[in-house]
């Protein structure tokens, strides 16, 4: 007797999200459902205003849907308390954003250590783990530098180090190369995909960059708050409106 297949690491069912009221109401997502397999890389593409960043924020538990649900390893997280969601996000997710969101006046080591501070890791252990992560990314010599003294490429590598320091199994990257020149952007891409393969991380990328999207195992296209395209015929994309 064969074992049933493992549930997807992340599953969205019939997600809706709107902003504003009355005539100002904007439906950012209109019933989006999808499954993300453990260890794969997924690109979410679409024009500005299509709903792709809203979808990523819901998948990453940075926002809550108006309706529908998000499941992690088959468990609905919709009923979880805010502290429980924060703990889950800090323990399992890493984030890489275009804007870096580094504290300019703090050192690289302090910036990378932040998720460990949130997790309540003791100072000596978080220093050890942060230094080890920086070393793995070739940034050990920058640990004492202020974040505002770094180049754009170095800042993005620090952001990736911060995303990795808690050893997450999912990384969400929102336009991770958007503020970088082409050569530096390719270096950051190589780093992200190399880490994904080596560590078995699930990587979800929101991007306008066709070359970056093409490097992912799978891609979905969002338009007007709906999934309108899927690059992998074998992907487990649930039909629109599932769960209604």
Protein backbone atom coordinates (compact mmCIF):
# COMPACT_ATOMS: atom_id res chain seq x y z
CA UNK A 1 0.00 0.00 0.00
CA UNK A 2 1.46 3.33 -1.08
CA UNK A 3 1.44 6.35 1.17
CA UNK A 4 -0.75 9.28 0.12
CA UNK A 5 1.17 12.20 -1.40
CA UNK A 6 2.32 14.88 1.02
CA UNK A 7 0.23 18.04 1.02
CA UNK A 8 1.69 21.06 -0.76
CA UNK A 9 3.83 23.22 1.47
CA UNK A 10 1.56 26.18 0.71
CA UNK A 11 -2.00 26.18 -0.62
CA UNK A 12 -4.38 29.05 -1.33
CA UNK A 13 -8.08 28.41 -1.83
CA UNK A 14 -10.40 31.00 -3.37
CA UNK A 15 -8.62 34.05 -1.98
CA UNK A 16 -10.32 37.43 -2.31
CA UNK A 17 -9.02 40.79 -1.17
CA UNK A 18 -10.41 44.26 -1.82
CA UNK A 19 -9.48 47.74 -0.70
CA UNK A 20 -11.68 50.79 -0.17
CA UNK A 21 -15.46 51.03 -0.09
CA UNK A 22 -18.29 52.08 -2.37
CA UNK A 23 -17.19 53.59 -5.67
CA UNK A 24 -13.60 53.60 -4.41
CA UNK A 25 -13.60 49.82 -3.91
CA UNK A 26 -10.84 47.95 -5.74
CA UNK A 27 -10.91 44.16 -6.01
CA UNK A 28 -7.24 43.21 -5.92
CA UNK A 29 -7.91 39.42 -5.88
CA UNK A 30 -11.10 37.77 -7.07
CA UNK A 31 -10.97 34.10 -6.10
CA UNK A 32 -7.39 32.88 -6.59
CA UNK A 33 -6.44 29.30 -5.82
CA UNK A 34 -3.09 27.56 -6.23
CA UNK A 35 -0.72 25.04 -4.71
CA UNK A 36 3.00 25.44 -4.20
CA UNK A 37 5.13 22.32 -4.00
CA UNK A 38 7.90 21.89 -1.49
CA UNK A 39 11.30 22.88 -2.87
CA UNK A 40 10.08 24.43 -6.12
CA UNK A 41 10.62 27.96 -7.39
CA UNK A 42 7.50 29.80 -8.49
CA UNK A 43 7.33 33.13 -10.33
CA UNK A 44 4.24 35.31 -9.96
CA UNK A 45 4.11 37.72 -12.89
CA UNK A 46 1.69 40.37 -14.09
CA UNK A 47 1.35 44.06 -14.83
CA UNK A 48 1.31 46.70 -12.11
CA UNK A 49 -2.03 46.56 -10.30
CA UNK A 50 -2.72 42.99 -11.39
CA UNK A 51 -2.82 41.66 -7.82
CA UNK A 52 0.49 39.79 -7.76
CA UNK A 53 1.95 41.62 -4.75
CA UNK A 54 -1.37 41.29 -2.91
CA UNK A 55 -1.25 37.54 -3.55
CA UNK A 56 2.29 37.30 -2.21
CA UNK A 57 1.36 39.23 0.92
CA UNK A 58 -1.51 36.84 1.60
CA UNK A 59 0.61 33.74 0.95
CA UNK A 60 3.33 35.11 3.23
CA UNK A 61 0.79 35.84 6.00
CA UNK A 62 1.59 39.55 5.90
CA UNK A 63 -2.10 40.27 5.31
CA UNK A 64 -5.37 38.39 5.71
CA UNK A 65 -7.86 37.69 2.89
CA UNK A 66 -11.43 38.93 2.90
CA UNK A 67 -12.44 35.35 2.14
CA UNK A 68 -10.80 32.05 1.26
CA UNK A 69 -7.98 30.39 3.12
CA UNK A 70 -4.23 29.80 3.20
CA UNK A 71 -2.89 26.41 4.29
CA UNK A 72 0.63 25.57 5.45
CA UNK A 73 1.39 21.85 5.18
CA UNK A 74 -2.35 21.18 4.97
CA UNK A 75 -3.25 23.25 8.04
CA UNK A 76 -5.58 26.24 7.68
CA UNK A 77 -3.88 29.22 9.33
CA UNK A 78 -6.90 31.51 9.08
CA UNK A 79 -8.08 30.83 12.62
CA UNK A 80 -4.63 31.25 14.18
CA UNK A 81 -4.05 34.13 16.57
CA UNK A 82 -1.87 37.06 15.55
CA UNK A 83 1.00 35.94 17.85
CA UNK A 84 0.84 32.42 16.40
CA UNK A 85 0.92 33.77 12.83
CA UNK A 86 3.86 36.03 13.68
CA UNK A 87 5.74 33.10 15.20
CA UNK A 88 5.02 30.87 12.18
CA UNK A 89 6.14 33.58 9.77
CA UNK A 90 9.34 34.26 11.70
CA UNK A 91 10.23 30.58 12.05
CA UNK A 92 9.44 29.37 8.54
CA UNK A 93 9.58 32.33 6.14
CA UNK A 94 12.35 34.56 4.84
CA UNK A 95 11.77 37.79 2.91
CA UNK A 96 13.77 39.56 0.21
CA UNK A 97 12.37 42.91 -0.90
CA UNK A 98 13.39 45.33 -3.62
CA UNK A 99 13.60 48.22 -1.14
CA UNK A 100 16.05 46.31 1.15
CA UNK A 101 14.42 47.58 4.41
CA UNK A 102 17.77 47.67 6.17
CA UNK A 103 18.33 49.95 9.17
CA UNK A 104 20.96 52.27 7.73
CA UNK A 105 22.63 53.23 11.01
CA UNK A 106 22.99 49.67 12.26
CA UNK A 107 25.78 47.29 11.34
CA UNK A 108 25.37 44.49 8.88
CA UNK A 109 25.56 42.01 11.75
CA UNK A 110 22.77 43.80 13.63
CA UNK A 111 20.55 43.84 10.54
CA UNK A 112 21.06 40.15 9.84
CA UNK A 113 20.44 39.29 13.49
CA UNK A 114 17.03 40.96 13.62
CA UNK A 115 14.91 37.80 12.97
CA UNK A 116 16.82 36.05 15.75
CA UNK A 117 16.10 38.93 18.13
CA UNK A 118 12.40 38.61 17.28
CA UNK A 119 12.63 34.85 17.87
CA UNK A 120 14.16 35.40 21.32
CA UNK A 121 17.51 33.78 20.53
CA UNK A 122 20.20 34.54 23.11
CA UNK A 123 22.76 37.21 22.09
CA UNK A 124 25.78 34.89 21.85
CA UNK A 125 23.89 32.34 19.73
CA UNK A 126 22.37 34.91 17.41
CA UNK A 127 25.81 36.44 16.85
CA UNK A 128 27.21 33.03 16.00
CA UNK A 129 24.39 32.22 13.60
CA UNK A 130 24.42 35.64 11.95
CA UNK A 131 28.21 35.50 11.41
CA UNK A 132 27.94 31.98 9.98
CA UNK A 133 25.25 33.11 7.53
CA UNK A 134 27.26 36.15 6.47
CA UNK A 135 30.29 33.93 5.95
CA UNK A 136 28.28 31.56 3.76
CA UNK A 137 27.32 34.51 1.55
CA UNK A 138 30.84 35.95 1.42
CA UNK A 139 30.01 38.90 3.66
CA UNK A 140 31.85 38.06 6.87
CA UNK A 141 34.25 40.98 6.31
CA UNK A 142 31.29 43.39 6.19
CA UNK A 143 29.77 42.38 9.54
CA UNK A 144 30.91 45.54 11.30
CA UNK A 145 30.07 47.94 8.45
CA UNK A 146 27.06 50.20 8.60
CA UNK A 147 24.36 49.14 6.18
CA UNK A 148 24.32 52.57 4.50
CA UNK A 149 27.99 52.17 3.55
CA UNK A 150 27.31 49.19 1.27
CA UNK A 151 26.71 49.01 -2.47
CA UNK A 152 23.31 48.00 -3.81
CA UNK A 153 24.45 44.47 -4.53
CA UNK A 154 25.98 44.11 -1.08
CA UNK A 155 22.78 45.39 0.53
CA UNK A 156 20.71 42.80 -1.32
CA UNK A 157 23.08 40.03 -0.24
CA UNK A 158 22.67 41.25 3.35
CA UNK A 159 18.89 41.08 2.87
CA UNK A 160 19.27 37.48 1.65
CA UNK A 161 21.47 36.70 4.68
CA UNK A 162 18.77 38.12 6.95
CA UNK A 163 16.18 35.99 5.14
CA UNK A 164 18.29 32.85 5.67
CA UNK A 165 19.45 33.32 9.26
CA UNK A 166 16.43 31.53 10.74
CA UNK A 167 16.88 28.64 8.27
CA UNK A 168 13.44 29.10 6.67
CA UNK A 169 11.88 26.58 4.33
CA UNK A 170 10.12 29.27 2.25
CA UNK A 171 11.54 32.52 0.88
CA UNK A 172 9.36 35.23 -0.62
CA UNK A 173 11.19 37.62 -2.95
CA UNK A 174 9.41 40.74 -4.24
CA UNK A 175 11.30 42.18 -7.24
CA UNK A 176 14.61 41.09 -5.65
CA UNK A 177 16.73 42.54 -8.49
CA UNK A 178 14.61 45.61 -9.24
CA UNK A 179 17.09 48.12 -7.76
CA UNK A 180 20.22 46.49 -9.17
CA UNK A 181 22.18 46.83 -12.39
CA UNK A 182 22.04 43.88 -14.78
CA UNK A 183 25.33 42.25 -13.78
CA UNK A 184 24.67 42.57 -10.05
CA UNK A 185 21.09 41.39 -10.56
CA UNK A 186 22.33 38.21 -12.23
CA UNK A 187 24.70 37.58 -9.32
CA UNK A 188 21.83 37.92 -6.85
CA UNK A 189 19.68 35.59 -8.96
CA UNK A 190 22.46 32.99 -9.05
CA UNK A 191 22.75 33.24 -5.27
CA UNK A 192 19.02 32.83 -4.67
CA UNK A 193 18.57 29.87 -7.00
CA UNK A 194 21.77 28.23 -5.80
CA UNK A 195 20.56 28.42 -2.21
CA UNK A 196 17.15 27.12 -3.24
CA UNK A 197 18.70 24.03 -4.81
CA UNK A 198 21.30 23.41 -2.10
CA UNK A 199 18.96 23.82 0.85
CA UNK A 200 15.68 22.62 -0.65
CA UNK A 201 14.04 25.98 -0.01
CA UNK A 202 10.72 26.82 -1.63
CA UNK A 203 11.15 30.12 -3.47
CA UNK A 204 8.26 32.40 -4.45
CA UNK A 205 9.26 35.35 -6.64
CA UNK A 206 7.13 38.33 -7.66
CA UNK A 207 8.72 39.98 -10.69
CA UNK A 208 8.32 41.98 -13.89
CA UNK A 209 11.62 40.54 -15.13
CA UNK A 210 10.97 37.91 -17.81
CA UNK A 211 14.49 36.48 -17.56
CA UNK A 212 14.14 36.03 -13.80
CA UNK A 213 10.71 34.43 -14.19
CA UNK A 214 12.08 32.05 -16.83
CA UNK A 215 14.60 30.67 -14.33
CA UNK A 216 11.82 29.48 -12.01
CA UNK A 217 10.43 25.96 -12.15
CA UNK A 218 6.92 27.31 -12.68
CA UNK A 219 5.18 30.60 -13.28
CA UNK A 220 1.68 31.93 -12.93
CA UNK A 221 0.37 35.08 -14.55
CA UNK A 222 -2.05 37.37 -12.69
CA UNK A 223 -4.37 39.86 -14.42
CA UNK A 224 -7.24 41.80 -12.87
CA UNK A 225 -7.04 39.77 -9.68
CA UNK A 226 -7.24 36.35 -11.36
CA UNK A 227 -4.79 33.67 -12.47
CA UNK A 228 -4.90 33.81 -16.28
CA UNK A 229 -1.86 31.73 -17.19
CA UNK A 230 0.22 28.80 -15.94
CA UNK A 231 3.52 27.73 -17.46
CA UNK A 232 3.61 24.16 -16.14
CA UNK A 233 0.84 21.88 -17.35
CA UNK A 234 1.60 19.43 -14.53
CA UNK A 235 1.17 22.07 -11.82
CA UNK A 236 -1.60 21.63 -9.35
CA UNK A 237 -3.51 24.84 -9.93
CA UNK A 238 -7.04 24.56 -8.51
CA UNK A 239 -9.79 25.73 -10.83
CA UNK A 240 -11.03 29.23 -10.26
CA UNK A 241 -13.79 29.40 -7.69
CA UNK A 242 -12.81 26.24 -5.79
CA UNK A 243 -14.10 26.17 -2.26
CA UNK A 244 -17.17 28.27 -2.96
